[in-house]
Amino acid sequence: MYELTGSFRTANASKYLQQLCKHFAHKVEVCYEPEWGCVCFPFGRVEMKADDDCLSVSCKPETAEQADRVRGVIDSHLERFAFREAFTSMDWTKTELTAE
């Protein structure tokens, strides 16, 4: 299992969180509020948080491939939604979790 986190410094964090959630709701289960959202992709549950200057994303995918898929889906959609900010990628951290 992995822990994947991403962040994007922006004053429009809540706007992008809501855009992402509304968009994904056409295909998968989603719940959200202006400062928090959850998207249940087939490849992992993604939680998003928005504050005044940052959009944060986190999930715990089972495989490295699922982590890469989450990263790709979030980045590609934000690239379209945040084009005015010249978005290219969130700042991502992927950590392999070990069994204790």
C-alpha atoms as a PDB file:
ATOM      1  CA  MET A   1       0.000   0.000   0.000  1.00  0.00           C
ATOM      2  CA  TYR A   2       1.091   3.564  -0.672  1.00  0.00           C
ATOM      3  CA  GLU A   3       0.314   6.967   0.712  1.00  0.00           C
ATOM      4  CA  LEU A   4       0.065   9.587  -2.005  1.00  0.00           C
ATOM      5  CA  THR A   5      -0.255  13.289  -1.261  1.00  0.00           C
ATOM      6  CA  GLY A   6      -0.303  16.269  -3.572  1.00  0.00           C
ATOM      7  CA  SER A   7      -0.539  20.016  -3.137  1.00  0.00           C
ATOM      8  CA  PHE A   8      -1.169  22.972  -5.414  1.00  0.00           C
ATOM      9  CA  ARG A   9      -0.662  26.500  -4.069  1.00  0.00           C
ATOM     10  CA  THR A  10      -3.550  28.583  -5.371  1.00  0.00           C
ATOM     11  CA  ALA A  11      -6.026  31.145  -4.125  1.00  0.00           C
ATOM     12  CA  ASN A  12      -8.683  29.200  -6.084  1.00  0.00           C
ATOM     13  CA  ALA A  13      -8.414  25.932  -4.140  1.00  0.00           C
ATOM     14  CA  SER A  14     -12.112  25.678  -3.258  1.00  0.00           C
ATOM     15  CA  LYS A  15     -13.151  26.499  -6.822  1.00  0.00           C
ATOM     16  CA  TYR A  16     -10.942  23.731  -8.250  1.00  0.00           C
ATOM     17  CA  LEU A  17     -12.001  21.217  -5.592  1.00  0.00           C
ATOM     18  CA  GLN A  18     -15.652  21.800  -6.474  1.00  0.00           C
ATOM     19  CA  GLN A  19     -14.954  21.678 -10.226  1.00  0.00           C
ATOM     20  CA  LEU A  20     -13.105  18.383  -9.878  1.00  0.00           C
ATOM     21  CA  CYS A  21     -15.821  16.847  -7.722  1.00  0.00           C
ATOM     22  CA  LYS A  22     -18.662  17.988  -9.996  1.00  0.00           C
ATOM     23  CA  HIS A  23     -16.805  16.652 -13.026  1.00  0.00           C
ATOM     24  CA  PHE A  24     -15.987  13.270 -11.481  1.00  0.00           C
ATOM     25  CA  ALA A  25     -19.553  12.903 -10.149  1.00  0.00           C
ATOM     26  CA  HIS A  26     -20.690  12.125 -13.706  1.00  0.00           C
ATOM     27  CA  LYS A  27     -18.886   8.755 -13.490  1.00  0.00           C
ATOM     28  CA  VAL A  28     -18.096   7.831  -9.884  1.00  0.00           C
ATOM     29  CA  GLU A  29     -19.402   8.365  -6.353  1.00  0.00           C
ATOM     30  CA  VAL A  30     -18.475  11.795  -4.991  1.00  0.00           C
ATOM     31  CA  CYS A  31     -19.297  13.856  -1.932  1.00  0.00           C
ATOM     32  CA  TYR A  32     -18.044  17.376  -1.300  1.00  0.00           C
ATOM     33  CA  GLU A  33     -18.385  20.720   0.370  1.00  0.00           C
ATOM     34  CA  PRO A  34     -16.474  23.918  -0.485  1.00  0.00           C
ATOM     35  CA  GLU A  35     -13.484  22.926   1.697  1.00  0.00           C
ATOM     36  CA  TRP A  36     -13.542  19.108   1.461  1.00  0.00           C
ATOM     37  CA  GLY A  37     -14.248  16.430  -1.094  1.00  0.00           C
ATOM     38  CA  CYS A  38     -14.060  12.674  -1.551  1.00  0.00           C
ATOM     39  CA  VAL A  39     -13.968  10.844  -4.884  1.00  0.00           C
ATOM     40  CA  CYS A  40     -14.306   7.044  -5.022  1.00  0.00           C
ATOM     41  CA  PHE A  41     -12.382   6.009  -8.131  1.00  0.00           C
ATOM     42  CA  PRO A  42     -12.121   2.301  -9.022  1.00  0.00           C
ATOM     43  CA  PHE A  43      -8.372   2.658  -8.449  1.00  0.00           C
ATOM     44  CA  GLY A  44      -8.562   4.392  -5.053  1.00  0.00           C
ATOM     45  CA  ARG A  45     -10.461   6.750  -2.783  1.00  0.00           C
ATOM     46  CA  VAL A  46      -9.180  10.319  -3.083  1.00  0.00           C
ATOM     47  CA  GLU A  47      -9.749  12.995  -0.454  1.00  0.00           C
ATOM     48  CA  MET A  48      -9.301  16.688  -1.220  1.00  0.00           C
ATOM     49  CA  LYS A  49      -9.039  19.691   1.072  1.00  0.00           C
ATOM     50  CA  ALA A  50      -9.082  23.368   0.178  1.00  0.00           C
ATOM     51  CA  ASP A  51      -7.911  26.238   2.328  1.00  0.00           C
ATOM     52  CA  ASP A  52      -7.188  29.882   1.539  1.00  0.00           C
ATOM     53  CA  ASP A  53      -4.048  29.192  -0.490  1.00  0.00           C
ATOM     54  CA  CYS A  54      -3.726  25.451  -1.191  1.00  0.00           C
ATOM     55  CA  LEU A  55      -5.552  22.496  -2.689  1.00  0.00           C
ATOM     56  CA  SER A  56      -4.410  19.240  -1.082  1.00  0.00           C
ATOM     57  CA  VAL A  57      -5.088  15.701  -2.283  1.00  0.00           C
ATOM     58  CA  SER A  58      -4.454  12.423  -0.472  1.00  0.00           C
ATOM     59  CA  CYS A  59      -5.145   8.740  -1.001  1.00  0.00           C
ATOM     60  CA  LYS A  60      -3.842   5.290  -0.086  1.00  0.00           C
ATOM     61  CA  PRO A  61      -3.743   3.220  -3.271  1.00  0.00           C
ATOM     62  CA  GLU A  62      -2.853  -0.468  -3.105  1.00  0.00           C
ATOM     63  CA  THR A  63      -0.253  -0.425  -5.904  1.00  0.00           C
ATOM     64  CA  ALA A  64       2.293   1.929  -7.439  1.00  0.00           C
ATOM     65  CA  GLU A  65       0.319   1.748 -10.694  1.00  0.00           C
ATOM     66  CA  GLN A  66      -2.837   2.934  -8.930  1.00  0.00           C
ATOM     67  CA  ALA A  67      -0.857   5.792  -7.359  1.00  0.00           C
ATOM     68  CA  ASP A  68       0.372   6.807 -10.803  1.00  0.00           C
ATOM     69  CA  ARG A  69      -3.190   6.639 -12.127  1.00  0.00           C
ATOM     70  CA  VAL A  70      -4.495   8.912  -9.360  1.00  0.00           C
ATOM     71  CA  ARG A  71      -1.693  11.379  -9.995  1.00  0.00           C
ATOM     72  CA  GLY A  72      -2.350  11.359 -13.742  1.00  0.00           C
ATOM     73  CA  VAL A  73      -6.114  11.821 -13.449  1.00  0.00           C
ATOM     74  CA  ILE A  74      -5.886  14.682 -10.947  1.00  0.00           C
ATOM     75  CA  ASP A  75      -3.073  16.471 -12.802  1.00  0.00           C
ATOM     76  CA  SER A  76      -4.681  16.154 -16.239  1.00  0.00           C
ATOM     77  CA  HIS A  77      -7.987  17.553 -15.021  1.00  0.00           C
ATOM     78  CA  LEU A  78      -6.391  20.381 -13.055  1.00  0.00           C
ATOM     79  CA  GLU A  79      -4.332  21.233 -16.118  1.00  0.00           C
ATOM     80  CA  ARG A  80      -7.604  21.941 -17.931  1.00  0.00           C
ATOM     81  CA  PHE A  81      -9.355  23.696 -15.043  1.00  0.00           C
ATOM     82  CA  ALA A  82      -6.373  25.794 -13.858  1.00  0.00           C
ATOM     83  CA  PHE A  83      -5.018  26.775 -17.275  1.00  0.00           C
ATOM     84  CA  ARG A  84      -5.080  30.467 -16.330  1.00  0.00           C
ATOM     85  CA  GLU A  85      -2.507  29.681 -13.633  1.00  0.00           C
ATOM     86  CA  ALA A  86      -0.238  27.736 -16.014  1.00  0.00           C
ATOM     87  CA  PHE A  87      -0.736  24.598 -13.915  1.00  0.00           C
ATOM     88  CA  THR A  88       1.347  21.593 -14.941  1.00  0.00           C
ATOM     89  CA  SER A  89       1.450  19.286 -11.903  1.00  0.00           C
ATOM     90  CA  MET A  90       0.741  19.151  -8.197  1.00  0.00           C
ATOM     91  CA  ASP A  91       3.705  18.730  -5.861  1.00  0.00           C
ATOM     92  CA  TRP A  92       3.392  14.986  -5.215  1.00  0.00           C
ATOM     93  CA  THR A  93       4.840  12.713  -2.535  1.00  0.00           C
ATOM     94  CA  LYS A  94       4.468   8.932  -2.739  1.00  0.00           C
ATOM     95  CA  THR A  95       5.447   6.797   0.254  1.00  0.00           C
ATOM     96  CA  GLU A  96       5.370   3.014   0.415  1.00  0.00           C
ATOM     97  CA  LEU A  97       3.708   1.910   3.637  1.00  0.00           C
ATOM     98  CA  THR A  98       5.208  -1.121   5.343  1.00  0.00           C
ATOM     99  CA  ALA A  99       3.340  -3.676   7.413  1.00  0.00           C
ATOM    100  CA  GLU A 100       4.282  -3.695  11.071  1.00  0.00           C
END
